[in-house]
Amino acid sequence: MAGVRAPTRPCNEQGCPVILSLHGMDVPASRQAYAYKPKANAWVLAPHGRSAFAGLNWQNQGHRSAWAALAALKEHSRLFGSGDRPADISRVIFTGHSNGGFGALLLATEQPDLALGVAPLAGMLRLHGPSGSAQSSPRKVQKVQDLLDRSIEPYNLGHVAGNVVGIPCLARTGAEDEVIHPSSTRQLVQAIKQGGGDCSAVEVPGKGHWWWDTETTMDGGAVDDAQMSAFREHCLEQRRPRLPGQFVISCVSLDMCGGRGGLRLLQQMEPFMLSQVLVDVRHESQKDLWEVQTDNLVALGWNSGSAAAESMARGGLVVDGTKFSADDLREANFACRRSGSSNWRLCPSAASCCEQLKRRPEQAGPLRSVFEGPLLAVIGTLGLGARERHLDAAVLLANSLFSVGGGTTSIAFDSDGVIPEGELTTNLLLLGGPESNTWSAELLAKGALPDLRLGPHGQIGIGPCDFQGANMGVVALGPLPGGKRVFAVMSASSTPALARLLGALGRLSERNLWQVRLPDYMVVEDAAGKRGVNGILAAGFWGGASGWDWSASQGYASCVDEHSEL
């Protein structure tokens, strides 16, 4: 859903660009759209944040909703009037107010190649604060806390603000803002500048968090007055901003990393850690040589026909010191290396050297990502009481997600059929391990998660650890065939353990969604559990060569902790 204002005049052959404006807390999309006067030469698109109270805050489902609205506008704009006002969604001014100011910078840093400009209004670099100091806590407690915190680091824009270098930027706030202090805007601007970019900071005298007028009554105020109009016209003067000779692409989660100049980051060494590509385009002998330095990356790609592909095909590419000539690049779309190796090699889209891309950006995780697309919950029916217990859990999650996110969850039984052949179109939530759910049994038997072991009597094995207990549960993210979708398997040996897992996942639908911290997997005891860290026996991110192996550096497991409880 979105509020929309169409251009007042027909568009040219390329179509009209889009002003994508994100609303703040408790502001419906229609009101955000009506805060703008109709534009002669641009669409105004105000996506819905997936909650009446904007509880998703442009993260997770709200984040995906904004991109889905932009894609939908491309199709629906062709049906408007006589079809002479198509939307050009490759040319976007990202803006928004308050919570939407954060969202505007989030989208612009994720897809800077689409950005004509970015204007965060009363925005901020992140919505979440520290989860609590654990510096004086034991090492194992600190490690678990760090793992949980890492699961929300993709929404800390301080890491990626430099992605908008070379893109016109205006950050504005009321000097008397009583809701979000103007210092948040100053911090945002400083982060962009530290990343090599530039952004104008404006504090409007005498204005608070929201206002309807600046110079004259109802002149557009906080989002659409003369200053904002002048900024937008400046952005629209050029077809798109010129790609800087030097720029950086930074991201923590690869599914939130659209790249720059056509370059794309495809696989990390260490999941959910900051990855960067520093690019220096050097002009030599009337050709451009692209020199690239990478950090925490084992695969890099570029889109055919992009600025990067066309320029590199003339001048060549150097990746971490490995040089490729223009001739080498004519049939190549990827550069890969083995984890731990400094030697890169090229390959076309289907070459064997890229088969290591087993954890693709669409499967970056963490656990909550299973809820960020179409979802089918599959109920395990084998065993005494399994059908009823798992169905109750699925209905509870579905209703919670609907009440805040506004999305629907399909529910089926494992006995209704087998896993479809080929690429699935939905994510799967599998209620029950192999002993009670035939879909879980099939996926795990095929090696989807080689280091996860679920026994017939509630045993849980993960990496080098095997756990046994009457009230234990596990929830873990895994890959579905085709590389585009994920599944989460949830298995518990008792109702109290299942309740604890539901408590962790149920928080996905709370108003304060940005506080949810869940990595790729978690093994827990019920609320009375005394082992591990507050009953957490294991937690972390899958890693290794496949991207889905247990990794000591990326996880906590109490059986290998130096202060073992087992």
Protein backbone atom coordinates (compact mmCIF):
# COMPACT_ATOMS: atom_id res chain seq x y z
CA MET A 1 0.00 0.00 0.00
CA ALA A 2 1.12 3.53 -0.69
CA GLY A 3 -0.11 7.07 -1.08
CA VAL A 4 0.58 8.45 -4.55
CA ARG A 5 0.44 11.76 -6.41
CA ALA A 6 0.78 11.57 -10.16
CA PRO A 7 2.65 14.16 -12.30
CA THR A 8 0.42 16.92 -13.66
CA ARG A 9 2.04 16.71 -17.11
CA PRO A 10 2.96 13.83 -19.46
CA CYS A 11 6.44 12.37 -19.02
CA ASN A 12 9.16 12.08 -21.65
CA GLU A 13 10.26 8.80 -23.22
CA GLN A 14 12.28 7.76 -20.17
CA GLY A 15 9.39 8.42 -17.81
CA CYS A 16 9.07 10.68 -14.80
CA PRO A 17 11.38 10.24 -11.79
CA VAL A 18 10.02 9.44 -8.34
CA ILE A 19 10.05 11.38 -5.07
CA LEU A 20 9.93 8.50 -2.59
CA SER A 21 8.87 9.94 0.76
CA LEU A 22 8.71 7.83 3.93
CA HIS A 23 6.40 8.74 6.78
CA GLY A 24 7.18 9.03 10.47
CA MET A 25 5.66 7.34 13.49
CA ASP A 26 1.84 7.30 13.54
CA VAL A 27 1.57 9.04 10.14
CA PRO A 28 -0.45 7.12 7.51
CA ALA A 29 0.85 6.92 3.98
CA SER A 30 -2.06 8.96 2.61
CA ARG A 31 -1.25 11.86 4.92
CA GLN A 32 2.41 11.73 3.89
CA ALA A 33 1.43 11.92 0.22
CA TYR A 34 -0.99 14.80 0.82
CA ALA A 35 1.78 16.78 2.52
CA TYR A 36 3.11 17.36 -1.03
CA LYS A 37 1.73 19.54 -3.73
CA PRO A 38 1.40 17.70 -7.08
CA LYS A 39 4.56 17.96 -9.18
CA ALA A 40 4.63 18.71 -12.89
CA ASN A 41 7.49 16.36 -13.66
CA ALA A 42 7.69 13.72 -10.91
CA TRP A 43 5.67 11.09 -9.11
CA VAL A 44 5.27 11.36 -5.33
CA LEU A 45 5.26 7.91 -3.71
CA ALA A 46 4.61 7.50 0.02
CA PRO A 47 4.81 3.79 0.96
CA HIS A 48 2.94 2.36 3.93
CA GLY A 49 5.19 1.26 6.82
CA ARG A 50 3.26 -1.97 7.40
CA SER A 51 1.58 -0.88 10.61
CA ALA A 52 -1.05 1.61 11.68
CA PHE A 53 1.46 2.92 14.17
CA ALA A 54 4.48 2.49 11.87
CA GLY A 55 5.78 -0.09 14.33
CA LEU A 56 8.09 -1.64 11.75
CA ASN A 57 9.91 1.65 11.37
CA TRP A 58 11.28 1.04 7.85
CA GLN A 59 13.13 -2.03 9.01
CA ASN A 60 12.44 -5.67 8.13
CA GLN A 61 8.94 -5.95 6.58
CA GLY A 62 8.59 -2.16 6.51
CA HIS A 63 11.90 -1.90 4.69
CA ARG A 64 10.79 -4.50 2.11
CA SER A 65 7.44 -2.74 1.78
CA ALA A 66 9.12 0.47 0.60
CA TRP A 67 10.97 -1.35 -2.20
CA ALA A 68 7.84 -3.32 -3.13
CA ALA A 69 5.85 -0.08 -3.44
CA LEU A 70 8.48 1.38 -5.77
CA ALA A 71 8.38 -1.73 -7.97
CA ALA A 72 4.56 -1.65 -7.99
CA LEU A 73 4.56 2.01 -9.06
CA LYS A 74 6.44 1.10 -12.22
CA GLU A 75 3.61 -1.19 -13.29
CA HIS A 76 0.63 0.84 -12.05
CA SER A 77 1.88 4.14 -13.48
CA ARG A 78 1.49 2.72 -16.99
CA LEU A 79 -2.23 2.34 -16.34
CA PHE A 80 -2.70 5.93 -15.20
CA GLY A 81 -4.72 8.18 -17.50
CA SER A 82 -3.74 7.61 -21.11
CA GLY A 83 -0.51 5.85 -20.16
CA ASP A 84 1.68 8.89 -20.89
CA ARG A 85 3.11 9.21 -17.36
CA PRO A 86 5.21 6.09 -16.68
CA ALA A 87 7.38 6.16 -13.58
CA ASP A 88 11.14 5.86 -14.04
CA ILE A 89 12.05 3.99 -10.86
CA SER A 90 15.74 4.07 -11.75
CA ARG A 91 15.77 7.79 -10.88
CA VAL A 92 14.62 8.39 -7.31
CA ILE A 93 14.88 11.20 -4.78
CA PHE A 94 14.86 9.48 -1.38
CA THR A 95 13.35 11.57 1.37
CA GLY A 96 11.27 11.18 4.50
CA HIS A 97 10.52 12.78 7.84
CA SER A 98 11.46 11.64 11.35
CA ASN A 99 11.42 7.85 11.32
CA GLY A 100 11.17 8.23 7.54
CA GLY A 101 14.35 10.33 7.54
CA PHE A 102 16.18 7.26 8.78
CA GLY A 103 14.40 5.20 6.10
CA ALA A 104 15.37 7.64 3.34
CA LEU A 105 19.07 7.33 4.13
CA LEU A 106 18.69 3.54 4.52
CA LEU A 107 17.27 3.15 1.00
CA ALA A 108 19.74 5.57 -0.57
CA THR A 109 22.75 3.82 0.97
CA GLU A 110 21.37 0.46 -0.14
CA GLN A 111 20.75 1.43 -3.79
CA PRO A 112 22.82 4.55 -4.49
CA ASP A 113 22.77 3.88 -8.24
CA LEU A 114 19.06 4.78 -8.21
CA ALA A 115 19.51 7.99 -6.22
CA LEU A 116 19.16 11.42 -7.79
CA GLY A 117 19.32 12.87 -4.29
CA VAL A 118 18.71 12.10 -0.63
CA ALA A 119 17.00 14.37 1.89
CA PRO A 120 16.62 12.97 5.43
CA LEU A 121 14.37 15.31 7.40
CA ALA A 122 14.61 15.17 11.22
CA GLY A 123 16.33 11.83 10.63
CA MET A 124 18.91 9.73 12.42
CA LEU A 125 21.58 7.11 11.80
CA ARG A 126 19.86 4.32 13.70
CA LEU A 127 16.71 3.60 15.64
CA HIS A 128 18.09 1.10 18.12
CA GLY A 129 20.24 1.91 21.09
CA PRO A 130 22.72 -0.24 22.98
CA SER A 131 21.18 -3.41 24.37
CA GLY A 132 22.93 -2.84 27.68
CA SER A 133 26.50 -2.77 28.84
CA ALA A 134 28.07 -6.17 29.30
CA GLN A 135 31.66 -4.98 29.55
CA SER A 136 31.94 -6.03 33.18
CA SER A 137 30.21 -9.36 32.50
CA PRO A 138 32.00 -12.69 31.99
CA ARG A 139 33.54 -13.28 28.57
CA LYS A 140 30.84 -15.75 27.53
CA VAL A 141 28.05 -13.25 28.36
CA GLN A 142 29.81 -10.56 26.36
CA LYS A 143 30.19 -12.93 23.40
CA VAL A 144 26.50 -13.85 23.34
CA GLN A 145 25.52 -10.18 23.69
CA ASP A 146 27.78 -9.24 20.78
CA LEU A 147 26.27 -11.97 18.58
CA LEU A 148 22.74 -10.85 19.34
CA ASP A 149 23.64 -7.20 18.70
CA ARG A 150 25.27 -8.06 15.36
CA SER A 151 21.94 -9.31 14.04
CA ILE A 152 20.61 -5.73 13.88
CA GLU A 153 23.83 -3.98 12.78
CA PRO A 154 22.67 -3.72 9.12
CA TYR A 155 20.28 -1.05 10.39
CA ASN A 156 23.09 1.01 11.91
CA LEU A 157 23.62 3.49 9.06
CA GLY A 158 26.82 4.82 10.56
CA HIS A 159 28.56 1.90 8.82
CA VAL A 160 27.24 2.73 5.34
CA ALA A 161 26.62 6.50 5.22
CA GLY A 162 29.59 6.93 2.88
CA ASN A 163 27.77 4.95 0.17
CA VAL A 164 26.03 8.17 -0.93
CA VAL A 165 29.25 10.00 -1.87
CA GLY A 166 28.68 12.11 -4.98
CA ILE A 167 24.89 12.20 -4.53
CA PRO A 168 23.21 15.55 -3.69
CA CYS A 169 22.20 15.53 -0.04
CA LEU A 170 20.19 17.86 2.18
CA ALA A 171 19.63 17.00 5.85
CA ARG A 172 17.14 19.32 7.50
CA THR A 173 15.51 19.61 10.89
CA GLY A 174 13.69 22.11 13.05
CA ALA A 175 16.09 23.97 15.33
CA GLU A 176 13.57 23.54 18.18
CA ASP A 177 12.72 19.89 17.47
CA GLU A 178 11.25 18.51 20.67
CA VAL A 179 11.02 14.87 19.47
CA ILE A 180 14.32 14.15 17.71
CA HIS A 181 17.09 16.45 18.82
CA PRO A 182 18.87 18.37 16.02
CA SER A 183 22.08 16.65 17.12
CA SER A 184 20.82 13.51 15.35
CA THR A 185 20.86 15.39 12.05
CA ARG A 186 24.34 16.69 12.80
CA GLN A 187 25.56 13.16 13.49
CA LEU A 188 24.02 11.94 10.24
CA VAL A 189 25.75 14.66 8.22
CA GLN A 190 29.06 14.01 9.97
CA ALA A 191 28.87 10.29 9.15
CA ILE A 192 28.31 11.05 5.45
CA LYS A 193 31.27 13.42 5.44
CA GLN A 194 33.49 10.91 7.23
CA GLY A 195 32.59 8.46 4.48
CA GLY A 196 33.86 10.88 1.84
CA GLY A 197 30.53 12.42 0.87
CA ASP A 198 28.98 15.83 1.35
CA CYS A 199 25.63 16.82 2.79
CA SER A 200 24.16 20.22 3.58
CA ALA A 201 22.83 20.57 7.12
CA VAL A 202 19.98 23.00 7.76
CA GLU A 203 18.34 23.76 11.12
CA VAL A 204 15.22 25.83 10.47
CA PRO A 205 14.96 28.55 13.15
CA GLY A 206 11.98 28.45 15.47
CA LYS A 207 10.55 25.18 14.13
CA GLY A 208 9.81 22.00 16.06
CA HIS A 209 9.44 18.44 14.83
CA TRP A 210 6.73 19.09 12.24
CA TRP A 211 5.32 22.26 10.75
CA TRP A 212 3.00 23.07 7.86
CA ASP A 213 4.37 26.49 6.96
CA THR A 214 7.82 28.05 6.66
CA GLU A 215 7.43 31.42 4.95
CA THR A 216 3.73 31.52 4.09
CA THR A 217 0.69 29.70 5.46
CA MET A 218 0.50 26.07 4.33
CA ASP A 219 3.44 26.45 1.95
CA GLY A 220 4.55 22.84 2.39
CA GLY A 221 6.43 23.24 5.63
CA ALA A 222 8.64 20.44 6.80
CA VAL A 223 8.67 18.42 3.56
CA ASP A 224 7.62 20.61 0.63
CA ASP A 225 8.47 24.29 1.05
CA ALA A 226 10.57 26.48 -1.23
CA GLN A 227 13.90 25.15 0.05
CA MET A 228 12.85 21.53 -0.49
CA SER A 229 11.51 22.36 -3.95
CA ALA A 230 14.79 24.05 -4.91
CA PHE A 231 16.73 20.99 -3.76
CA ARG A 232 14.54 18.65 -5.79
CA GLU A 233 14.84 20.79 -8.91
CA HIS A 234 18.63 20.73 -8.50
CA CYS A 235 18.52 16.92 -8.32
CA LEU A 236 16.37 16.70 -11.45
CA GLU A 237 18.61 18.92 -13.57
CA GLN A 238 20.89 15.99 -14.47
CA ARG A 239 19.97 12.59 -15.79
CA ARG A 240 21.77 11.08 -12.81
CA PRO A 241 24.71 12.10 -10.60
CA ARG A 242 28.13 11.49 -12.08
CA LEU A 243 29.90 8.47 -10.61
CA PRO A 244 32.82 9.72 -8.47
CA GLY A 245 36.35 8.71 -9.38
CA GLN A 246 36.74 7.35 -5.88
CA PHE A 247 33.95 5.77 -3.86
CA VAL A 248 33.25 3.06 -1.31
CA ILE A 249 30.58 0.37 -1.05
CA SER A 250 29.97 -0.72 2.54
CA CYS A 251 27.44 -3.14 3.98
CA VAL A 252 26.94 -5.57 6.83
CA SER A 253 24.23 -7.75 5.27
CA LEU A 254 24.63 -8.47 1.56
CA ASP A 255 20.89 -8.50 0.89
CA MET A 256 20.95 -4.79 1.82
CA CYS A 257 23.83 -3.96 -0.49
CA GLY A 258 22.85 -2.96 -4.02
CA GLY A 259 26.35 -1.90 -5.01
CA ARG A 260 27.51 1.16 -6.94
CA GLY A 261 28.32 1.78 -10.58
CA GLY A 262 27.09 -1.73 -11.31
CA LEU A 263 29.54 -3.39 -8.90
CA ARG A 264 27.90 -5.86 -6.50
CA LEU A 265 29.14 -7.59 -3.34
CA LEU A 266 28.17 -11.27 -3.55
CA GLN A 267 29.70 -13.28 -0.70
CA GLN A 268 31.37 -12.45 2.59
CA MET A 269 34.19 -14.24 4.36
CA GLU A 270 32.56 -13.65 7.75
CA PRO A 271 28.76 -13.24 7.73
CA PHE A 272 27.17 -10.16 9.23
CA MET A 273 30.47 -8.36 9.60
CA LEU A 274 31.24 -5.12 7.74
CA SER A 275 32.31 -5.71 4.13
CA GLN A 276 33.79 -2.93 2.00
CA VAL A 277 34.91 -2.33 -1.55
CA LEU A 278 37.06 0.76 -2.12
CA VAL A 279 37.10 1.82 -5.77
CA ASP A 280 39.57 4.13 -7.51
CA VAL A 281 38.83 4.74 -11.19
CA ARG A 282 42.07 5.95 -12.77
CA HIS A 283 42.04 7.55 -16.21
CA GLU A 284 45.05 6.34 -18.21
CA SER A 285 45.65 6.63 -21.99
CA GLN A 286 42.02 7.61 -22.60
CA LYS A 287 40.86 4.50 -20.73
CA ASP A 288 39.62 3.90 -17.19
CA LEU A 289 41.44 1.38 -15.00
CA TRP A 290 39.33 0.24 -12.06
CA GLU A 291 41.43 -0.45 -8.96
CA VAL A 292 39.46 -2.23 -6.25
CA GLN A 293 40.42 -3.09 -2.70
CA THR A 294 38.17 -5.41 -0.74
CA ASP A 295 37.65 -6.30 2.90
CA ASN A 296 35.69 -9.34 4.14
CA LEU A 297 34.71 -10.40 0.63
CA VAL A 298 35.26 -13.52 -1.49
CA ALA A 299 33.03 -12.78 -4.50
CA LEU A 300 32.39 -9.62 -6.50
CA GLY A 301 30.18 -9.15 -9.56
CA TRP A 302 29.13 -6.49 -12.03
CA ASN A 303 26.04 -6.00 -14.15
CA SER A 304 26.39 -6.27 -17.91
CA GLY A 305 25.93 -2.87 -19.52
CA SER A 306 26.61 -1.02 -16.29
CA ALA A 307 29.09 1.84 -15.93
CA ALA A 308 31.52 -0.56 -14.29
CA ALA A 309 31.23 -3.26 -16.98
CA GLU A 310 31.61 -0.88 -19.93
CA SER A 311 34.48 1.05 -18.39
CA MET A 312 36.38 -2.04 -17.22
CA ALA A 313 35.96 -3.68 -20.64
CA ARG A 314 38.02 -0.81 -22.06
CA GLY A 315 40.63 -0.24 -19.36
CA GLY A 316 40.85 -3.30 -17.12
CA LEU A 317 40.41 -4.19 -13.47
CA VAL A 318 42.72 -4.71 -10.50
CA VAL A 319 41.28 -6.52 -7.46
CA ASP A 320 43.50 -6.56 -4.36
CA GLY A 321 46.57 -6.48 -6.61
CA THR A 322 45.37 -9.14 -9.09
CA LYS A 323 45.20 -7.52 -12.53
CA PHE A 324 42.79 -8.43 -15.33
CA SER A 325 43.08 -6.98 -18.81
CA ALA A 326 40.20 -5.61 -20.87
CA ASP A 327 40.30 -8.78 -22.99
CA ASP A 328 40.00 -10.94 -19.84
CA LEU A 329 36.88 -9.07 -18.83
CA ARG A 330 34.87 -9.31 -22.04
CA GLU A 331 33.14 -12.56 -21.09
CA ALA A 332 33.33 -12.28 -17.32
CA ASN A 333 30.69 -11.13 -14.86
CA PHE A 334 32.29 -12.26 -11.59
CA ALA A 335 35.55 -12.31 -9.71
CA CYS A 336 35.98 -14.89 -6.95
CA ARG A 337 38.60 -16.19 -4.58
CA ARG A 338 38.80 -18.95 -2.05
CA SER A 339 38.40 -17.92 1.55
CA GLY A 340 41.82 -17.09 2.95
CA SER A 341 43.40 -16.69 -0.49
CA SER A 342 44.58 -13.38 -1.93
CA ASN A 343 44.36 -14.57 -5.56
CA TRP A 344 41.25 -13.57 -7.48
CA ARG A 345 40.05 -15.17 -10.71
CA LEU A 346 37.39 -14.28 -13.24
CA CYS A 347 34.42 -16.31 -14.36
CA PRO A 348 31.26 -15.87 -16.42
CA SER A 349 27.89 -16.30 -14.79
CA ALA A 350 27.82 -20.13 -14.82
CA ALA A 351 31.52 -20.96 -14.38
CA SER A 352 32.67 -23.49 -11.80
CA CYS A 353 34.75 -20.95 -9.90
CA CYS A 354 31.54 -19.28 -8.75
CA GLU A 355 29.91 -22.45 -7.45
CA GLN A 356 31.21 -21.47 -4.02
CA LEU A 357 28.46 -18.83 -3.91
CA LYS A 358 26.29 -21.05 -1.78
CA ARG A 359 25.07 -18.32 0.54
CA ARG A 360 23.74 -15.73 -1.82
CA PRO A 361 22.72 -12.19 -0.87
CA GLU A 362 19.04 -13.18 -0.89
CA GLN A 363 19.85 -15.72 1.83
CA ALA A 364 21.99 -13.43 3.97
CA GLY A 365 19.79 -13.85 7.06
CA PRO A 366 19.50 -13.53 10.01
CA LEU A 367 16.57 -15.53 11.42
CA ARG A 368 13.99 -12.76 11.19
CA SER A 369 14.51 -12.60 7.40
CA VAL A 370 12.27 -15.64 7.02
CA PHE A 371 9.37 -13.30 7.82
CA GLU A 372 10.43 -10.65 5.27
CA GLY A 373 8.90 -12.32 2.23
CA PRO A 374 5.98 -14.59 1.32
CA LEU A 375 5.78 -17.20 4.08
CA LEU A 376 4.39 -20.72 4.32
CA ALA A 377 4.26 -22.31 7.78
CA VAL A 378 4.38 -26.11 7.53
CA ILE A 379 2.97 -28.00 10.52
CA GLY A 380 4.67 -31.22 11.60
CA THR A 381 1.98 -33.84 12.30
CA LEU A 382 3.96 -36.91 13.44
CA GLY A 383 3.93 -37.83 17.11
CA LEU A 384 1.55 -37.47 20.03
CA GLY A 385 0.06 -33.97 20.17
CA ALA A 386 2.50 -32.58 17.56
CA ARG A 387 -0.18 -31.44 15.11
CA GLU A 388 -2.13 -29.41 17.69
CA ARG A 389 0.96 -27.96 19.40
CA HIS A 390 2.59 -26.85 16.14
CA LEU A 391 -0.66 -25.51 14.69
CA ASP A 392 -1.25 -23.38 17.79
CA ALA A 393 2.28 -21.98 17.46
CA ALA A 394 1.83 -21.17 13.76
CA VAL A 395 -1.51 -19.43 14.31
CA LEU A 396 -0.07 -17.38 17.17
CA LEU A 397 2.83 -16.18 15.00
CA ALA A 398 0.58 -15.53 12.01
CA ASN A 399 -1.84 -13.42 14.03
CA SER A 400 0.99 -11.48 15.68
CA LEU A 401 2.61 -10.71 12.35
CA PHE A 402 -0.72 -9.68 10.84
CA SER A 403 -1.62 -7.36 13.70
CA VAL A 404 1.50 -5.24 13.23
CA GLY A 405 2.98 -6.06 9.84
CA GLY A 406 -0.29 -6.38 7.96
CA GLY A 407 0.96 -9.40 6.02
CA THR A 408 -0.55 -12.86 5.81
CA THR A 409 1.00 -16.25 6.55
CA SER A 410 -0.14 -19.38 4.74
CA ILE A 411 -0.39 -22.54 6.85
CA ALA A 412 -0.22 -26.15 5.64
CA PHE A 413 0.45 -29.60 7.07
CA ASP A 414 3.46 -31.70 6.13
CA SER A 415 1.00 -34.48 5.32
CA ASP A 416 -0.61 -32.33 2.61
CA GLY A 417 2.24 -33.04 0.18
CA VAL A 418 5.97 -33.03 -0.43
CA ILE A 419 8.39 -30.14 -0.92
CA PRO A 420 7.88 -28.90 -4.51
CA GLU A 421 10.65 -29.54 -7.01
CA GLY A 422 12.68 -26.59 -8.27
CA GLU A 423 12.90 -23.09 -6.86
CA LEU A 424 10.35 -22.27 -4.18
CA THR A 425 8.48 -18.96 -4.30
CA THR A 426 7.97 -18.62 -0.53
CA ASN A 427 10.06 -18.84 2.59
CA LEU A 428 9.24 -21.78 4.87
CA LEU A 429 8.69 -21.91 8.61
CA LEU A 430 8.92 -25.57 9.59
CA LEU A 431 7.26 -26.40 12.91
CA GLY A 432 8.88 -29.57 14.23
CA GLY A 433 12.18 -31.34 13.65
CA PRO A 434 12.77 -34.48 11.56
CA GLU A 435 10.98 -36.71 14.06
CA SER A 436 7.67 -34.84 13.61
CA ASN A 437 7.89 -32.92 10.31
CA THR A 438 8.63 -34.74 7.04
CA TRP A 439 9.65 -31.48 5.32
CA SER A 440 12.26 -30.81 8.02
CA ALA A 441 13.49 -34.38 7.68
CA GLU A 442 13.89 -34.03 3.89
CA LEU A 443 15.75 -30.72 3.94
CA LEU A 444 18.13 -31.72 6.73
CA ALA A 445 18.75 -35.14 5.17
CA LYS A 446 19.86 -33.40 1.98
CA GLY A 447 22.50 -31.50 3.97
CA ALA A 448 20.92 -28.04 4.01
CA LEU A 449 22.48 -27.47 7.45
CA PRO A 450 25.33 -29.98 7.78
CA ASP A 451 26.25 -29.02 11.35
CA LEU A 452 22.73 -29.16 12.83
CA ARG A 453 21.66 -32.52 14.28
CA LEU A 454 18.20 -33.17 15.71
CA GLY A 455 17.68 -36.53 17.44
CA PRO A 456 14.49 -38.54 18.03
CA HIS A 457 14.28 -37.85 21.79
CA GLY A 458 14.90 -34.11 21.89
CA GLN A 459 18.66 -34.27 21.39
CA ILE A 460 20.13 -31.20 19.72
CA GLY A 461 23.58 -31.19 18.17
CA ILE A 462 25.26 -28.15 16.71
CA GLY A 463 28.88 -28.04 15.62
CA PRO A 464 30.95 -29.97 18.18
CA CYS A 465 28.24 -29.86 20.84
CA ASP A 466 25.46 -32.30 21.68
CA PHE A 467 22.81 -31.13 24.13
CA GLN A 468 20.32 -33.26 26.01
CA GLY A 469 17.46 -32.11 28.20
CA ALA A 470 13.73 -32.32 28.78
CA ASN A 471 12.98 -28.67 28.01
CA MET A 472 15.20 -27.65 25.10
CA GLY A 473 14.45 -26.08 21.75
CA VAL A 474 16.23 -24.87 18.65
CA VAL A 475 15.36 -22.50 15.83
CA ALA A 476 17.71 -22.21 12.87
CA LEU A 477 17.84 -20.54 9.48
CA GLY A 478 18.72 -22.57 6.38
CA PRO A 479 18.86 -22.28 2.56
CA LEU A 480 16.17 -23.48 0.17
CA PRO A 481 17.08 -24.78 -3.30
CA GLY A 482 17.49 -22.12 -5.97
CA GLY A 483 19.35 -19.61 -3.81
CA LYS A 484 16.48 -17.11 -3.44
CA ARG A 485 14.53 -18.31 -0.38
CA VAL A 486 15.19 -19.49 3.17
CA PHE A 487 13.61 -21.75 5.74
CA ALA A 488 13.55 -21.70 9.52
CA VAL A 489 13.18 -24.97 11.41
CA MET A 490 11.79 -24.80 14.94
CA SER A 491 11.99 -27.88 17.12
CA ALA A 492 11.27 -28.18 20.85
CA SER A 493 11.19 -31.15 23.21
CA SER A 494 8.46 -29.65 25.41
CA THR A 495 5.73 -27.04 25.48
CA PRO A 496 7.75 -24.72 27.80
CA ALA A 497 10.71 -24.85 25.40
CA LEU A 498 8.44 -24.13 22.44
CA ALA A 499 6.97 -21.21 24.38
CA ARG A 500 10.44 -19.76 24.85
CA LEU A 501 11.17 -20.01 21.12
CA LEU A 502 7.83 -18.37 20.36
CA GLY A 503 8.70 -15.63 22.81
CA ALA A 504 11.88 -14.89 20.85
CA LEU A 505 10.17 -14.99 17.45
CA GLY A 506 6.97 -13.36 18.70
CA ARG A 507 8.95 -10.25 19.51
CA LEU A 508 9.28 -9.83 15.75
CA SER A 509 5.78 -8.40 15.83
CA GLU A 510 6.15 -6.03 18.76
CA ARG A 511 5.89 -2.29 18.22
CA ASN A 512 9.59 -1.84 19.01
CA LEU A 513 10.68 -4.22 16.28
CA TRP A 514 14.12 -2.69 15.98
CA GLN A 515 15.04 -4.15 19.37
CA VAL A 516 14.72 -7.78 18.19
CA ARG A 517 18.10 -9.47 18.22
CA LEU A 518 18.25 -12.93 16.64
CA PRO A 519 21.24 -14.38 14.75
CA ASP A 520 21.06 -17.39 12.38
CA TYR A 521 20.44 -20.01 15.06
CA MET A 522 19.70 -20.34 18.75
CA VAL A 523 19.52 -23.32 21.14
CA VAL A 524 17.63 -22.58 24.36
CA GLU A 525 16.22 -24.12 27.50
CA ASP A 526 12.90 -23.00 28.89
CA ALA A 527 12.67 -19.93 31.10
CA ALA A 528 13.93 -21.88 34.12
CA GLY A 529 17.10 -22.99 32.29
CA LYS A 530 20.30 -22.31 34.21
CA ARG A 531 22.88 -23.53 31.70
CA GLY A 532 24.69 -21.42 29.15
CA VAL A 533 23.92 -17.72 29.20
CA ASN A 534 20.42 -17.18 30.63
CA GLY A 535 19.41 -20.52 29.18
CA ILE A 536 20.96 -19.85 25.75
CA LEU A 537 23.09 -22.93 25.06
CA ALA A 538 24.25 -21.90 21.60
CA ALA A 539 23.75 -18.95 19.25
CA GLY A 540 25.45 -17.43 16.26
CA PHE A 541 25.83 -17.16 12.51
CA TRP A 542 26.54 -19.92 10.04
CA GLY A 543 29.82 -19.46 8.15
CA GLY A 544 32.59 -21.57 6.67
CA ALA A 545 33.20 -22.32 3.00
CA SER A 546 29.55 -22.95 2.19
CA GLY A 547 28.22 -20.14 4.34
CA TRP A 548 26.06 -22.67 6.24
CA ASP A 549 28.65 -24.40 8.46
CA TRP A 550 29.19 -24.01 12.19
CA SER A 551 32.00 -21.58 12.87
CA ALA A 552 33.67 -21.16 16.25
CA SER A 553 34.54 -17.54 15.44
CA GLN A 554 30.92 -16.75 14.53
CA GLY A 555 29.07 -18.42 17.36
CA TYR A 556 28.78 -19.33 21.01
CA ALA A 557 28.29 -22.89 22.22
CA SER A 558 28.45 -23.55 25.94
CA CYS A 559 30.16 -26.93 25.58
CA VAL A 560 33.28 -25.33 24.09
CA ASP A 561 33.28 -22.21 26.23
CA GLU A 562 36.29 -21.85 28.50
CA HIS A 563 33.90 -21.74 31.47
CA SER A 564 31.90 -24.79 30.42
CA GLU A 565 28.69 -25.61 32.23
CA LEU A 566 28.37 -29.07 30.68
